[in-house]
């Protein structure tokens, strides 16, 4: 177990939980964006997949923004914030899918959001001709967790997700936190929560339970491309990796790829991080990471994934894509004469060809079970 992973205290986890209900308005600037999102992996016959769901509340500074081509006023970085209550324009989005179908934009609703530090809740509701639409996220009244209620044109969801305060993996923690003169980034990650609730989706209404991943993200610098993975196995083992990068994908608009795998891989990583956490508690972190697209396998790319350490620990597999969802943000600049574009692609995948050695133990699918996950491949530049 790494020293960094073991160093966080219960008091640290409590303080981080309180930060979920604040988006640092004192740090926000012309480029700021914030979002709160759930990734839900219902338990099924094969493990935590192939069904997946995502719900998010997102906001960005700007006179006028478009999220998935739907206009919404941007946040004002100079808005008044009093008594721990922050009011700002936001958009609730969501998708649900499995290996057969992905229902994209089952929620796509702008609203004025109210974030209350004291009440520990975020409300983003709008009254429409078809009734109330939007979402809310609140602290669970009885245990360390969250409650959420979402209503869209094509989905309703009401669920709770929870963790354990004394667990390093199922407690909220700072995934990233830095500030410079030009801006900063703060990420609150709550990785291995449990969830349960009622979901009314395009395929019908049912009760679901399983594993949940939650983040609260505050970007006070322009959004840039990255590749990020979250994967989970039936025995509770999990894997994550992150590569922010620069390359010609900075200038990409819409959903497209270059004509060859080699051209698509022309990137320069800015940082490489990853970890493997076993179901029995062993934890290894990696500082050499590759996540490379494989074009030509179908409508969407697969991805070759490998992480390793100098000590000989490694994990490798192919993320075989079976579903894709996309959200995108456009912001007007210079009075509408220019606009920026940032595209947030999420690929649902199953793990194939797993190989690895972590803490002296070999990784095998026969003992771990089939792994499923989500891979984010964002492109563009959200100025």
Protein backbone atom coordinates (compact mmCIF):
# COMPACT_ATOMS: atom_id res chain seq x y z
CA UNK A 1 0.00 0.00 0.00
CA UNK A 2 1.41 3.37 -0.94
CA UNK A 3 2.22 5.95 1.72
CA UNK A 4 0.16 8.59 -0.10
CA UNK A 5 -2.92 6.39 -0.10
CA UNK A 6 -2.60 5.55 3.62
CA UNK A 7 -1.98 9.10 4.85
CA UNK A 8 -5.52 10.52 4.74
CA UNK A 9 -7.31 10.81 8.07
CA UNK A 10 -10.99 10.65 9.07
CA UNK A 11 -10.88 14.41 9.63
CA UNK A 12 -9.61 14.85 6.06
CA UNK A 13 -12.56 12.86 4.72
CA UNK A 14 -15.05 14.95 6.73
CA UNK A 15 -13.56 18.21 5.45
CA UNK A 16 -13.64 16.98 1.87
CA UNK A 17 -17.30 15.96 2.17
CA UNK A 18 -18.15 19.54 3.12
CA UNK A 19 -16.36 20.82 -0.03
CA UNK A 20 -18.90 19.01 -2.22
CA UNK A 21 -21.30 21.85 -1.39
CA UNK A 22 -19.04 24.69 -2.54
CA UNK A 23 -17.56 25.49 -5.96
CA UNK A 24 -14.98 28.04 -4.79
CA UNK A 25 -16.62 31.16 -6.29
CA UNK A 26 -13.71 33.23 -4.94
CA UNK A 27 -11.40 31.33 -7.35
CA UNK A 28 -13.61 31.45 -10.44
CA UNK A 29 -12.66 33.44 -13.52
CA UNK A 30 -13.60 33.83 -17.20
CA UNK A 31 -12.71 30.19 -17.99
CA UNK A 32 -14.32 28.43 -15.01
CA UNK A 33 -16.52 25.34 -15.24
CA UNK A 34 -17.97 23.14 -12.48
CA UNK A 35 -19.80 19.84 -12.50
CA UNK A 36 -21.14 17.22 -10.14
CA UNK A 37 -21.61 13.75 -11.64
CA UNK A 38 -22.64 10.20 -10.82
CA UNK A 39 -21.54 7.11 -12.74
CA UNK A 40 -23.75 4.17 -11.79
CA UNK A 41 -22.89 0.53 -12.46
CA UNK A 42 -25.92 -1.66 -11.66
CA UNK A 43 -25.06 -5.18 -10.56
CA UNK A 44 -25.98 -7.83 -13.13
CA UNK A 45 -25.27 -11.43 -14.01
CA UNK A 46 -21.75 -10.64 -15.31
CA UNK A 47 -20.78 -8.22 -12.55
CA UNK A 48 -21.12 -4.44 -12.59
CA UNK A 49 -22.17 -4.21 -16.21
CA UNK A 50 -22.91 -4.03 -19.06
CA UNK A 51 -25.60 -1.53 -18.01
CA UNK A 52 -24.33 1.93 -17.02
CA UNK A 53 -25.93 5.29 -16.19
CA UNK A 54 -24.59 8.82 -15.83
CA UNK A 55 -26.21 11.95 -14.38
CA UNK A 56 -24.52 15.33 -14.02
CA UNK A 57 -25.15 18.96 -13.12
CA UNK A 58 -22.76 21.22 -15.04
CA UNK A 59 -22.13 24.98 -15.24
CA UNK A 60 -19.72 27.28 -17.07
CA UNK A 61 -18.83 30.96 -16.95
CA UNK A 62 -19.79 32.93 -20.06
CA UNK A 63 -22.39 35.30 -21.41
CA UNK A 64 -24.04 32.50 -23.36
CA UNK A 65 -23.33 28.78 -23.39
CA UNK A 66 -24.77 25.85 -25.31
CA UNK A 67 -24.75 22.40 -23.77
CA UNK A 68 -25.57 19.70 -26.34
CA UNK A 69 -26.73 22.56 -28.59
CA UNK A 70 -29.30 23.72 -26.04
CA UNK A 71 -28.80 27.38 -25.04
CA UNK A 72 -28.28 28.19 -21.38
CA UNK A 73 -27.00 31.39 -19.77
CA UNK A 74 -23.52 31.05 -18.34
CA UNK A 75 -22.40 31.70 -14.79
CA UNK A 76 -21.42 35.23 -13.79
CA UNK A 77 -18.04 35.03 -11.99
CA UNK A 78 -18.92 38.25 -10.13
CA UNK A 79 -22.35 37.10 -8.90
CA UNK A 80 -23.15 37.80 -5.24
CA UNK A 81 -22.76 34.81 -2.93
CA UNK A 82 -24.12 35.37 0.58
CA UNK A 83 -24.49 33.19 3.68
CA UNK A 84 -23.08 30.16 1.87
CA UNK A 85 -25.82 30.19 -0.81
CA UNK A 86 -24.62 30.28 -4.42
CA UNK A 87 -27.12 30.83 -7.27
CA UNK A 88 -25.96 30.22 -10.84
CA UNK A 89 -27.14 28.91 -14.21
CA UNK A 90 -26.57 25.20 -14.81
CA UNK A 91 -27.58 22.25 -16.97
CA UNK A 92 -28.61 18.76 -15.85
CA UNK A 93 -27.63 16.03 -18.34
CA UNK A 94 -27.73 12.24 -18.34
CA UNK A 95 -27.54 9.04 -20.35
CA UNK A 96 -28.32 5.35 -19.83
CA UNK A 97 -27.11 2.41 -21.84
CA UNK A 98 -26.08 -1.20 -22.20
CA UNK A 99 -24.58 -3.36 -24.96
CA UNK A 100 -27.78 -3.08 -27.01
CA UNK A 101 -28.67 0.62 -26.89
CA UNK A 102 -27.45 3.91 -25.45
CA UNK A 103 -30.17 6.44 -24.63
CA UNK A 104 -28.29 9.71 -24.86
CA UNK A 105 -29.55 12.98 -23.34
CA UNK A 106 -32.40 11.41 -21.36
CA UNK A 107 -31.99 14.60 -19.30
CA UNK A 108 -30.90 17.87 -20.90
CA UNK A 109 -32.43 20.63 -18.79
CA UNK A 110 -31.19 24.18 -18.06
CA UNK A 111 -32.19 25.78 -14.75
CA UNK A 112 -31.09 28.21 -12.09
CA UNK A 113 -29.16 26.13 -9.56
CA UNK A 114 -29.00 26.83 -5.84
CA UNK A 115 -26.00 25.45 -3.96
CA UNK A 116 -26.35 25.69 -0.17
CA UNK A 117 -23.27 25.13 1.95
CA UNK A 118 -25.22 25.02 5.20
CA UNK A 119 -28.01 22.72 3.97
CA UNK A 120 -25.52 20.61 1.99
CA UNK A 121 -27.61 20.39 -1.14
CA UNK A 122 -27.66 21.40 -4.79
CA UNK A 123 -31.01 22.08 -6.51
CA UNK A 124 -31.33 22.72 -10.24
CA UNK A 125 -35.06 22.65 -11.06
CA UNK A 126 -37.05 24.35 -13.81
CA UNK A 127 -40.83 24.49 -14.31
CA UNK A 128 -41.68 23.55 -17.90
CA UNK A 129 -44.90 22.99 -19.83
CA UNK A 130 -44.50 19.27 -19.08
CA UNK A 131 -43.87 19.75 -15.37
CA UNK A 132 -40.77 20.04 -13.23
CA UNK A 133 -37.47 19.08 -14.88
CA UNK A 134 -33.93 19.01 -13.51
CA UNK A 135 -32.21 17.50 -10.52
CA UNK A 136 -31.14 17.73 -6.90
CA UNK A 137 -28.25 16.30 -4.88
CA UNK A 138 -28.25 16.42 -1.08
CA UNK A 139 -26.38 14.99 1.87
CA UNK A 140 -28.02 11.81 3.18
CA UNK A 141 -29.74 12.59 6.50
CA UNK A 142 -28.84 9.31 8.22
CA UNK A 143 -25.46 8.13 6.92
CA UNK A 144 -22.38 9.25 5.03
CA UNK A 145 -23.81 9.49 1.57
CA UNK A 146 -25.82 11.39 -1.03
CA UNK A 147 -29.41 11.45 -2.18
CA UNK A 148 -30.34 12.41 -5.73
CA UNK A 149 -33.58 13.01 -7.61
CA UNK A 150 -33.57 13.55 -11.39
CA UNK A 151 -36.45 14.22 -13.81
CA UNK A 152 -35.90 14.55 -17.55
CA UNK A 153 -38.04 14.23 -20.65
CA UNK A 154 -37.05 10.57 -21.00
CA UNK A 155 -35.96 9.51 -17.50
CA UNK A 156 -36.70 9.71 -13.81
CA UNK A 157 -34.36 8.55 -11.08
CA UNK A 158 -34.43 8.65 -7.32
CA UNK A 159 -31.53 6.97 -5.55
CA UNK A 160 -29.08 7.16 -2.69
CA UNK A 161 -25.35 6.39 -2.69
CA UNK A 162 -23.16 5.88 0.37
CA UNK A 163 -19.68 5.00 1.57
CA UNK A 164 -17.70 4.50 4.76
CA UNK A 165 -15.85 7.32 6.53
CA UNK A 166 -13.03 5.05 7.71
CA UNK A 167 -12.34 3.59 4.23
CA UNK A 168 -9.78 5.22 1.96
CA UNK A 169 -11.60 4.00 -1.15
CA UNK A 170 -15.22 4.64 -0.20
CA UNK A 171 -14.75 8.05 1.45
CA UNK A 172 -14.58 11.40 -0.40
CA UNK A 173 -11.06 12.70 -0.97
CA UNK A 174 -9.16 15.29 -3.01
CA UNK A 175 -8.40 13.67 -6.33
CA UNK A 176 -6.62 16.87 -7.41
CA UNK A 177 -6.17 20.30 -5.87
CA UNK A 178 -3.89 23.06 -7.13
CA UNK A 179 -4.08 26.82 -7.64
CA UNK A 180 -1.82 29.13 -9.63
CA UNK A 181 -1.92 32.78 -10.67
CA UNK A 182 -3.58 31.67 -13.91
CA UNK A 183 -6.24 29.49 -12.27
CA UNK A 184 -6.52 26.03 -10.78
CA UNK A 185 -8.35 22.73 -10.53
CA UNK A 186 -10.04 21.03 -7.59
CA UNK A 187 -11.51 17.53 -7.88
CA UNK A 188 -13.46 15.77 -5.12
CA UNK A 189 -13.66 12.04 -5.90
CA UNK A 190 -15.86 9.49 -4.13
CA UNK A 191 -14.90 6.31 -5.87
CA UNK A 192 -16.43 3.09 -4.57
CA UNK A 193 -19.83 3.91 -3.20
CA UNK A 194 -22.85 1.62 -3.16
CA UNK A 195 -26.15 2.81 -4.56
CA UNK A 196 -29.78 1.76 -4.76
CA UNK A 197 -32.94 3.38 -6.05
CA UNK A 198 -35.83 3.50 -8.52
CA UNK A 199 -35.20 4.35 -12.17
CA UNK A 200 -37.80 5.02 -14.87
CA UNK A 201 -35.81 4.83 -18.11
CA UNK A 202 -36.81 4.43 -21.78
CA UNK A 203 -36.74 0.63 -21.34
CA UNK A 204 -39.06 0.72 -18.31
CA UNK A 205 -39.17 1.25 -14.56
CA UNK A 206 -37.14 -0.89 -12.16
CA UNK A 207 -35.18 -0.88 -8.94
CA UNK A 208 -31.41 -1.00 -9.38
CA UNK A 209 -28.43 -1.31 -7.04
CA UNK A 210 -24.71 -1.65 -7.50
CA UNK A 211 -21.51 0.42 -7.50
CA UNK A 212 -21.35 4.21 -7.83
CA UNK A 213 -18.61 6.72 -8.67
CA UNK A 214 -19.14 10.41 -7.81
CA UNK A 215 -17.09 13.55 -8.49
CA UNK A 216 -17.38 17.27 -7.88
CA UNK A 217 -15.03 19.08 -10.28
CA UNK A 218 -14.06 22.77 -10.38
CA UNK A 219 -11.93 23.90 -13.34
CA UNK A 220 -10.68 27.49 -13.21
CA UNK A 221 -8.52 27.06 -16.30
CA UNK A 222 -9.66 26.29 -19.87
CA UNK A 223 -10.90 22.74 -20.39
CA UNK A 224 -8.32 20.65 -22.24
CA UNK A 225 -8.30 17.08 -23.60
CA UNK A 226 -7.82 14.06 -21.37
CA UNK A 227 -8.29 10.31 -21.22
CA UNK A 228 -9.68 8.88 -17.99
CA UNK A 229 -10.73 5.37 -17.00
CA UNK A 230 -12.79 3.90 -14.20
CA UNK A 231 -13.28 0.12 -14.14
CA UNK A 232 -14.68 -2.25 -11.52
CA UNK A 233 -14.71 -6.05 -11.10
CA UNK A 234 -17.23 -8.38 -9.40
CA UNK A 235 -14.85 -9.05 -6.47
CA UNK A 236 -14.68 -5.29 -5.70
CA UNK A 237 -11.30 -4.66 -7.34
CA UNK A 238 -11.08 -1.36 -9.20
CA UNK A 239 -8.77 0.34 -11.66
CA UNK A 240 -8.36 3.97 -12.68
CA UNK A 241 -5.99 5.92 -14.91
CA UNK A 242 -5.75 9.52 -16.08
CA UNK A 243 -3.77 11.26 -18.85
CA UNK A 244 -4.32 14.96 -19.59
CA UNK A 245 -2.65 15.71 -22.93
CA UNK A 246 -2.13 18.17 -25.75
CA UNK A 247 -2.18 17.39 -29.46
CA UNK A 248 -4.13 18.14 -32.63
CA UNK A 249 -7.29 16.97 -30.79
CA UNK A 250 -7.26 20.46 -29.21
CA UNK A 251 -8.76 21.79 -32.44
CA UNK A 252 -11.35 19.05 -32.96
CA UNK A 253 -15.00 20.00 -33.21
CA UNK A 254 -17.75 17.41 -33.04
CA UNK A 255 -17.36 13.64 -32.90
CA UNK A 256 -14.70 12.47 -35.34
CA UNK A 257 -11.28 10.84 -35.53
CA UNK A 258 -8.23 11.03 -37.76
CA UNK A 259 -7.93 8.63 -40.68
CA UNK A 260 -5.39 6.37 -38.95
CA UNK A 261 -4.65 5.02 -35.48
CA UNK A 262 -1.14 6.45 -35.74
CA UNK A 263 -2.42 9.98 -36.36
CA UNK A 264 -4.97 9.66 -33.53
CA UNK A 265 -2.12 8.79 -31.14
CA UNK A 266 -0.13 11.98 -31.86
CA UNK A 267 -0.38 13.37 -28.34
CA UNK A 268 1.92 14.69 -25.62
CA UNK A 269 0.92 13.62 -22.09
CA UNK A 270 0.99 16.33 -19.43
CA UNK A 271 0.76 13.87 -16.54
CA UNK A 272 0.30 10.12 -16.09
CA UNK A 273 -1.37 8.60 -13.03
CA UNK A 274 -3.21 5.40 -12.23
CA UNK A 275 -3.95 2.87 -9.52
CA UNK A 276 -5.14 -0.67 -8.91
CA UNK A 277 -7.10 -1.42 -5.74
CA UNK A 278 -7.83 -5.07 -5.05
CA UNK A 279 -11.00 -6.37 -3.46
CA UNK A 280 -8.92 -7.45 -0.46
CA UNK A 281 -7.46 -3.95 0.06
CA UNK A 282 -4.03 -3.93 -1.64
CA UNK A 283 -3.36 -0.65 -3.39
CA UNK A 284 -0.67 0.18 -5.96
CA UNK A 285 -0.25 3.51 -7.75
CA UNK A 286 1.34 3.92 -11.18
CA UNK A 287 3.17 6.84 -12.76
CA UNK A 288 3.59 5.41 -16.28
CA UNK A 289 0.32 5.18 -18.18
CA UNK A 290 -0.71 4.68 -21.80
CA UNK A 291 -4.30 4.81 -23.08
CA UNK A 292 -4.25 4.55 -26.86
CA UNK A 293 -7.23 4.38 -29.25
CA UNK A 294 -7.59 1.52 -31.71
CA UNK A 295 -9.47 2.65 -34.79
CA UNK A 296 -11.20 0.38 -37.28
CA UNK A 297 -12.74 -2.08 -34.80
CA UNK A 298 -16.24 -0.72 -35.35
CA UNK A 299 -18.30 2.44 -35.12
CA UNK A 300 -16.32 3.53 -32.06
CA UNK A 301 -12.68 2.92 -31.12
CA UNK A 302 -11.38 0.38 -28.63
CA UNK A 303 -8.45 1.39 -26.41
CA UNK A 304 -5.16 -0.27 -25.46
CA UNK A 305 -4.42 0.37 -21.78
CA UNK A 306 -1.20 -0.24 -19.84
CA UNK A 307 0.15 1.07 -16.53
CA UNK A 308 3.43 0.12 -14.84
CA UNK A 309 5.94 0.94 -12.09
CA UNK A 310 9.70 0.68 -11.79
CA UNK A 311 9.20 -2.18 -9.32
CA UNK A 312 7.64 -4.38 -12.00
CA UNK A 313 3.95 -3.98 -11.15
CA UNK A 314 1.78 -3.57 -14.23
CA UNK A 315 -1.77 -3.86 -15.55
CA UNK A 316 -2.69 -4.18 -19.23
CA UNK A 317 -5.88 -4.87 -21.16
CA UNK A 318 -7.99 -3.78 -24.09
CA UNK A 319 -11.07 -1.68 -23.33
CA UNK A 320 -13.60 -3.09 -25.78
CA UNK A 321 -16.18 -0.38 -26.45
CA UNK A 322 -19.83 -1.37 -26.66
CA UNK A 323 -21.51 2.00 -26.16
CA UNK A 324 -20.84 5.73 -26.55
CA UNK A 325 -22.44 8.85 -25.07
CA UNK A 326 -21.42 12.44 -25.63
CA UNK A 327 -21.95 15.86 -24.05
CA UNK A 328 -20.44 19.02 -25.46
CA UNK A 329 -20.01 22.63 -24.38
CA UNK A 330 -19.87 25.69 -26.66
CA UNK A 331 -19.20 29.14 -25.24
CA UNK A 332 -19.48 32.44 -27.08
CA UNK A 333 -16.51 34.78 -26.83
CA UNK A 334 -15.85 38.33 -28.05
CA UNK A 335 -19.53 39.18 -28.20
CA UNK A 336 -20.38 36.09 -30.25
CA UNK A 337 -17.69 36.62 -32.92
CA UNK A 338 -15.91 33.46 -31.73
CA UNK A 339 -16.92 30.38 -29.82
CA UNK A 340 -15.02 27.59 -28.12
CA UNK A 341 -15.90 23.90 -28.32
CA UNK A 342 -15.18 21.09 -25.88
CA UNK A 343 -16.48 17.54 -26.39
CA UNK A 344 -16.87 15.02 -23.56
CA UNK A 345 -16.99 11.48 -24.96
CA UNK A 346 -17.79 8.56 -22.67
CA UNK A 347 -17.21 5.02 -23.90
CA UNK A 348 -18.74 2.08 -22.05
CA UNK A 349 -16.39 -0.89 -22.24
CA UNK A 350 -15.70 -4.44 -21.09
CA UNK A 351 -12.18 -5.54 -20.26
CA UNK A 352 -10.52 -8.10 -22.58
CA UNK A 353 -7.07 -9.70 -22.40
CA UNK A 354 -6.42 -8.68 -18.80
CA UNK A 355 -2.84 -9.28 -17.67
CA UNK A 356 -0.88 -7.91 -14.76
CA UNK A 357 1.09 -8.31 -11.58
CA UNK A 358 0.20 -6.20 -8.54
CA UNK A 359 1.93 -6.64 -5.18
CA UNK A 360 3.41 -9.94 -6.29
CA UNK A 361 0.04 -11.36 -7.35
CA UNK A 362 -0.93 -12.10 -10.94
CA UNK A 363 -4.23 -10.71 -12.20
CA UNK A 364 -6.54 -13.16 -13.93
CA UNK A 365 -10.07 -12.72 -15.18
CA UNK A 366 -10.92 -16.26 -14.02
CA UNK A 367 -10.57 -15.15 -10.38
CA UNK A 368 -11.57 -11.48 -10.66
CA UNK A 369 -14.56 -11.90 -12.96
CA UNK A 370 -15.41 -9.73 -15.95
CA UNK A 371 -14.52 -6.06 -15.54
CA UNK A 372 -16.60 -3.21 -16.93
CA UNK A 373 -15.90 0.49 -17.02
CA UNK A 374 -16.24 3.94 -18.52
CA UNK A 375 -13.51 5.65 -20.53
CA UNK A 376 -13.60 9.41 -21.09
CA UNK A 377 -11.85 10.77 -24.16
CA UNK A 378 -12.43 14.51 -24.22
CA UNK A 379 -11.30 16.73 -27.10
CA UNK A 380 -11.36 20.39 -28.02
CA UNK A 381 -10.45 23.42 -25.93
CA UNK A 382 -13.00 25.00 -23.62
CA UNK A 383 -11.75 28.58 -23.55
